[in-house]
PDB file of N, CA and C in Angstrom:
ATOM      1  N   MET A   1      79.949  64.866 135.502  1.00  0.00           N
ATOM      2  CA  MET A   1      80.995  65.399 134.635  1.00  0.00           C
ATOM      3  C   MET A   1      81.002  67.058 134.216  1.00  0.00           C
ATOM      4  N   GLN A   2      82.235  67.201 134.898  1.00  0.00           N
ATOM      5  CA  GLN A   2      82.369  68.789 134.857  1.00  0.00           C
ATOM      6  C   GLN A   2      83.320  69.305 133.218  1.00  0.00           C
ATOM      7  N   GLY A   3      83.228  68.694 132.315  1.00  0.00           N
ATOM      8  CA  GLY A   3      83.583  68.906 131.152  1.00  0.00           C
ATOM      9  C   GLY A   3      85.195  68.784 131.170  1.00  0.00           C
ATOM     10  N   ILE A   4      85.764  70.239 130.490  1.00  0.00           N
ATOM     11  CA  ILE A   4      87.177  70.420 130.491  1.00  0.00           C
ATOM     12  C   ILE A   4      87.811  71.256 131.832  1.00  0.00           C
ATOM     13  N   TYR A   5      88.772  70.473 132.241  1.00  0.00           N
ATOM     14  CA  TYR A   5      89.137  70.937 133.713  1.00  0.00           C
ATOM     15  C   TYR A   5      90.673  71.578 133.150  1.00  0.00           C
ATOM     16  N   PHE A   6      91.076  72.811 133.681  1.00  0.00           N
ATOM     17  CA  PHE A   6      92.348  73.731 133.223  1.00  0.00           C
ATOM     18  C   PHE A   6      92.807  73.408 134.552  1.00  0.00           C
ATOM     19  N   PRO A   7      94.374  72.902 134.475  1.00  0.00           N
ATOM     20  CA  PRO A   7      95.302  73.037 135.616  1.00  0.00           C
ATOM     21  C   PRO A   7      94.922  74.467 136.184  1.00  0.00           C
ATOM     22  N   GLY A   8      95.641  75.102 137.701  1.00  0.00           N
ATOM     23  CA  GLY A   8      95.701  76.347 137.987  1.00  0.00           C
ATOM     24  C   GLY A   8      96.271  77.069 137.244  1.00  0.00           C
ATOM     25  N   ASN A   9      97.987  76.657 136.632  1.00  0.00           N
ATOM     26  CA  ASN A   9      98.592  77.414 136.051  1.00  0.00           C
ATOM     27  C   ASN A   9      98.348  78.088 134.794  1.00  0.00           C
ATOM     28  N   PHE A  10      97.756  76.935 133.946  1.00  0.00           N
ATOM     29  CA  PHE A  10      97.172  77.426 132.809  1.00  0.00           C
ATOM     30  C   PHE A  10      96.083  78.159 132.573  1.00  0.00           C
ATOM     31  N   LEU A  11      95.112  78.032 133.615  1.00  0.00           N
ATOM     32  CA  LEU A  11      94.019  78.964 133.614  1.00  0.00           C
ATOM     33  C   LEU A  11      94.424  80.507 134.087  1.00  0.00           C
ATOM     34  N   SER A  12      95.511  80.326 135.001  1.00  0.00           N
ATOM     35  CA  SER A  12      96.181  81.673 135.133  1.00  0.00           C
ATOM     36  C   SER A  12      96.361  82.545 134.184  1.00  0.00           C
ATOM     37  N   ILE A  13      97.229  81.459 133.432  1.00  0.00           N
ATOM     38  CA  ILE A  13      98.180  82.044 131.856  1.00  0.00           C
ATOM     39  C   ILE A  13      96.818  82.629 131.049  1.00  0.00           C
ATOM     40  N   VAL A  14      95.767  81.989 130.760  1.00  0.00           N
ATOM     41  CA  VAL A  14      94.640  82.400 130.227  1.00  0.00           C
ATOM     42  C   VAL A  14      93.987  83.315 130.437  1.00  0.00           C
ATOM     43  N   ASN A  15      93.636  83.540 131.846  1.00  0.00           N
ATOM     44  CA  ASN A  15      93.078  85.187 132.565  1.00  0.00           C
ATOM     45  C   ASN A  15      94.354  86.056 132.069  1.00  0.00           C
ATOM     46  N   TYR A  16      95.363  86.050 132.164  1.00  0.00           N
ATOM     47  CA  TYR A  16      96.535  87.154 131.905  1.00  0.00           C
ATOM     48  C   TYR A  16      96.432  87.299 130.421  1.00  0.00           C
ATOM     49  N   ILE A  17      96.556  86.419 129.555  1.00  0.00           N
ATOM     50  CA  ILE A  17      96.153  86.755 127.918  1.00  0.00           C
ATOM     51  C   ILE A  17      95.221  87.156 127.829  1.00  0.00           C
ATOM     52  N   SER A  18      93.998  87.205 128.388  1.00  0.00           N
ATOM     53  CA  SER A  18      92.940  87.791 128.043  1.00  0.00           C
ATOM     54  C   SER A  18      92.893  88.990 128.413  1.00  0.00           C
ATOM     55  N   THR A  19      93.289  89.378 129.613  1.00  0.00           N
ATOM     56  CA  THR A  19      93.385  90.712 130.370  1.00  0.00           C
ATOM     57  C   THR A  19      94.193  91.381 129.230  1.00  0.00           C
ATOM     58  N   VAL A  20      95.642  90.684 129.123  1.00  0.00           N
ATOM     59  CA  VAL A  20      96.439  91.796 128.313  1.00  0.00           C
ATOM     60  C   VAL A  20      95.635  91.980 126.826  1.00  0.00           C
ATOM     61  N   PHE A  21      95.054  91.218 126.085  1.00  0.00           N
ATOM     62  CA  PHE A  21      94.682  91.316 124.754  1.00  0.00           C
ATOM     63  C   PHE A  21      93.070  92.401 124.956  1.00  0.00           C
ATOM     64  N   ALA A  22      92.732  92.573 125.997  1.00  0.00           N
ATOM     65  CA  ALA A  22      91.643  93.369 126.291  1.00  0.00           C
ATOM     66  C   ALA A  22      92.055  94.562 126.398  1.00  0.00           C
ATOM     67  N   ALA A  23      93.187  95.040 127.261  1.00  0.00           N
ATOM     68  CA  ALA A  23      93.980  95.775 127.122  1.00  0.00           C
ATOM     69  C   ALA A  23      94.752  96.832 125.918  1.00  0.00           C
ATOM     70  N   ILE A  24      95.336  95.833 125.041  1.00  0.00           N
ATOM     71  CA  ILE A  24      95.827  96.406 123.959  1.00  0.00           C
ATOM     72  C   ILE A  24      94.827  96.618 123.170  1.00  0.00           C
ATOM     73  N   LEU A  25      93.553  95.658 123.038  1.00  0.00           N
ATOM     74  CA  LEU A  25      92.538  95.967 122.221  1.00  0.00           C
ATOM     75  C   LEU A  25      91.587  97.538 122.682  1.00  0.00           C
ATOM     76  N   TYR A  26      91.560  97.717 123.637  1.00  0.00           N
ATOM     77  CA  TYR A  26      91.106  99.217 124.270  1.00  0.00           C
ATOM     78  C   TYR A  26      92.532 100.126 123.499  1.00  0.00           C
ATOM     79  N   ILE A  27      93.301  99.789 123.614  1.00  0.00           N
ATOM     80  CA  ILE A  27      94.660 100.958 123.318  1.00  0.00           C
ATOM     81  C   ILE A  27      94.298 100.974 121.909  1.00  0.00           C
ATOM     82  N   ILE A  28      94.066 100.033 121.480  1.00  0.00           N
ATOM     83  CA  ILE A  28      94.158 100.343 119.827  1.00  0.00           C
ATOM     84  C   ILE A  28      92.814 101.114 119.239  1.00  0.00           C
ATOM     85  N   ILE A  29      91.753 100.973 119.807  1.00  0.00           N
ATOM     86  CA  ILE A  29      90.676 101.977 119.735  1.00  0.00           C
ATOM     87  C   ILE A  29      90.661 103.131 120.009  1.00  0.00           C
ATOM     88  N   PHE A  30      91.072 103.426 121.178  1.00  0.00           N
ATOM     89  CA  PHE A  30      91.625 104.569 121.749  1.00  0.00           C
ATOM     90  C   PHE A  30      92.508 105.191 120.693  1.00  0.00           C
ATOM     91  N   VAL A  31      93.547 104.925 120.295  1.00  0.00           N
ATOM     92  CA  VAL A  31      94.425 105.626 119.217  1.00  0.00           C
ATOM     93  C   VAL A  31      93.631 105.995 118.251  1.00  0.00           C
ATOM     94  N   LYS A  32      92.654 105.024 117.741  1.00  0.00           N
ATOM     95  CA  LYS A  32      92.223 105.224 116.277  1.00  0.00           C
ATOM     96  C   LYS A  32      91.229 106.468 116.414  1.00  0.00           C
ATOM     97  N   PHE A  33      90.485 106.109 117.619  1.00  0.00           N
ATOM     98  CA  PHE A  33      89.521 107.105 117.773  1.00  0.00           C
ATOM     99  C   PHE A  33      90.138 108.511 118.044  1.00  0.00           C
ATOM    100  N   HIS A  34      91.145 108.574 118.377  1.00  0.00           N
ATOM    101  CA  HIS A  34      91.813 110.028 119.345  1.00  0.00           C
ATOM    102  C   HIS A  34      92.528 110.213 117.719  1.00  0.00           C
ATOM    103  N   LYS A  35      93.056 109.628 116.817  1.00  0.00           N
ATOM    104  CA  LYS A  35      93.369 109.713 115.645  1.00  0.00           C
ATOM    105  C   LYS A  35      92.615 110.484 114.765  1.00  0.00           C
ATOM    106  N   ALA A  36      91.299 109.924 114.983  1.00  0.00           N
ATOM    107  CA  ALA A  36      90.209 110.298 113.984  1.00  0.00           C
ATOM    108  C   ALA A  36      89.528 112.079 114.100  1.00  0.00           C
ATOM    109  N   ASN A  37      89.685 111.794 115.640  1.00  0.00           N
ATOM    110  CA  ASN A  37      89.181 113.400 116.071  1.00  0.00           C
ATOM    111  C   ASN A  37      90.107 114.244 115.724  1.00  0.00           C
ATOM    112  N   LYS A  38      91.342 114.062 116.028  1.00  0.00           N
ATOM    113  CA  LYS A  38      92.184 115.148 115.757  1.00  0.00           C
ATOM    114  C   LYS A  38      92.209 115.379 114.185  1.00  0.00           C
ATOM    115  N   ALA A  39      91.943 114.620 113.384  1.00  0.00           N
ATOM    116  CA  ALA A  39      91.766 114.384 111.919  1.00  0.00           C
ATOM    117  C   ALA A  39      90.566 114.962 111.337  1.00  0.00           C
ATOM    118  N   GLU A  40      89.375 115.218 112.128  1.00  0.00           N
ATOM    119  CA  GLU A  40      88.372 116.366 111.911  1.00  0.00           C
ATOM    120  C   GLU A  40      88.733 117.547 112.517  1.00  0.00           C
ATOM    121  N   ILE A  41      89.487 117.896 113.694  1.00  0.00           N
ATOM    122  CA  ILE A  41      89.608 119.122 114.316  1.00  0.00           C
ATOM    123  C   ILE A  41      90.711 119.740 113.629  1.00  0.00           C
ATOM    124  N   ILE A  42      91.455 119.167 112.999  1.00  0.00           N
ATOM    125  CA  ILE A  42      92.751 120.219 112.240  1.00  0.00           C
ATOM    126  C   ILE A  42      92.461 121.015 111.130  1.00  0.00           C
ATOM    127  N   PRO A  43      91.489 120.406 110.424  1.00  0.00           N
ATOM    128  CA  PRO A  43      90.825 121.039 109.090  1.00  0.00           C
ATOM    129  C   PRO A  43      90.153 122.450 109.307  1.00  0.00           C
ATOM    130  N   VAL A  44      89.261 122.038 110.430  1.00  0.00           N
ATOM    131  CA  VAL A  44      88.442 122.991 110.837  1.00  0.00           C
ATOM    132  C   VAL A  44      89.059 124.320 111.634  1.00  0.00           C
ATOM    133  N   ILE A  45      90.083 124.036 112.065  1.00  0.00           N
ATOM    134  CA  ILE A  45      91.282 125.209 112.902  1.00  0.00           C
ATOM    135  C   ILE A  45      91.806 125.741 111.699  1.00  0.00           C
ATOM    136  N   THR A  46      92.584 125.184 110.712  1.00  0.00           N
ATOM    137  CA  THR A  46      93.236 125.576 109.696  1.00  0.00           C
ATOM    138  C   THR A  46      91.974 126.680 108.870  1.00  0.00           C
ATOM    139  N   ASN A  47      91.039 126.230 108.694  1.00  0.00           N
ATOM    140  CA  ASN A  47      89.817 126.931 107.688  1.00  0.00           C
ATOM    141  C   ASN A  47      89.515 128.172 108.616  1.00  0.00           C
ATOM    142  N   GLN A  48      89.734 128.201 109.878  1.00  0.00           N
ATOM    143  CA  GLN A  48      89.033 129.392 110.621  1.00  0.00           C
ATOM    144  C   GLN A  48      90.377 130.593 110.411  1.00  0.00           C
ATOM    145  N   ASN A  49      91.561 129.574 110.373  1.00  0.00           N
ATOM    146  CA  ASN A  49      92.807 130.914 110.309  1.00  0.00           C
ATOM    147  C   ASN A  49      93.003 131.523 108.831  1.00  0.00           C
ATOM    148  N   VAL A  50      92.914 130.282 108.229  1.00  0.00           N
ATOM    149  CA  VAL A  50      92.934 131.033 106.837  1.00  0.00           C
ATOM    150  C   VAL A  50      91.694 132.419 106.550  1.00  0.00           C
ATOM    151  N   THR A  51      90.690 132.022 107.051  1.00  0.00           N
ATOM    152  CA  THR A  51      89.451 132.695 106.584  1.00  0.00           C
ATOM    153  C   THR A  51      89.332 133.863 107.527  1.00  0.00           C
ATOM    154  N   GLY A  52      89.899 134.035 108.651  1.00  0.00           N
ATOM    155  CA  GLY A  52      89.700 135.006 109.681  1.00  0.00           C
ATOM    156  C   GLY A  52      90.688 135.795 109.847  1.00  0.00           C
TER     157      GLY A  52
END
């Protein structure tokens, strides 16, 4: 008994969807991390400009 057998086309669709989902998830995490870094860096620059 092999359990559930997926046809080739269905399996390729699942692999494609999982790959796209992983790429989208990676992009979302990268964008959030990038925005968080900008939000932390910008006040430091403005404070230095005001005081300096």
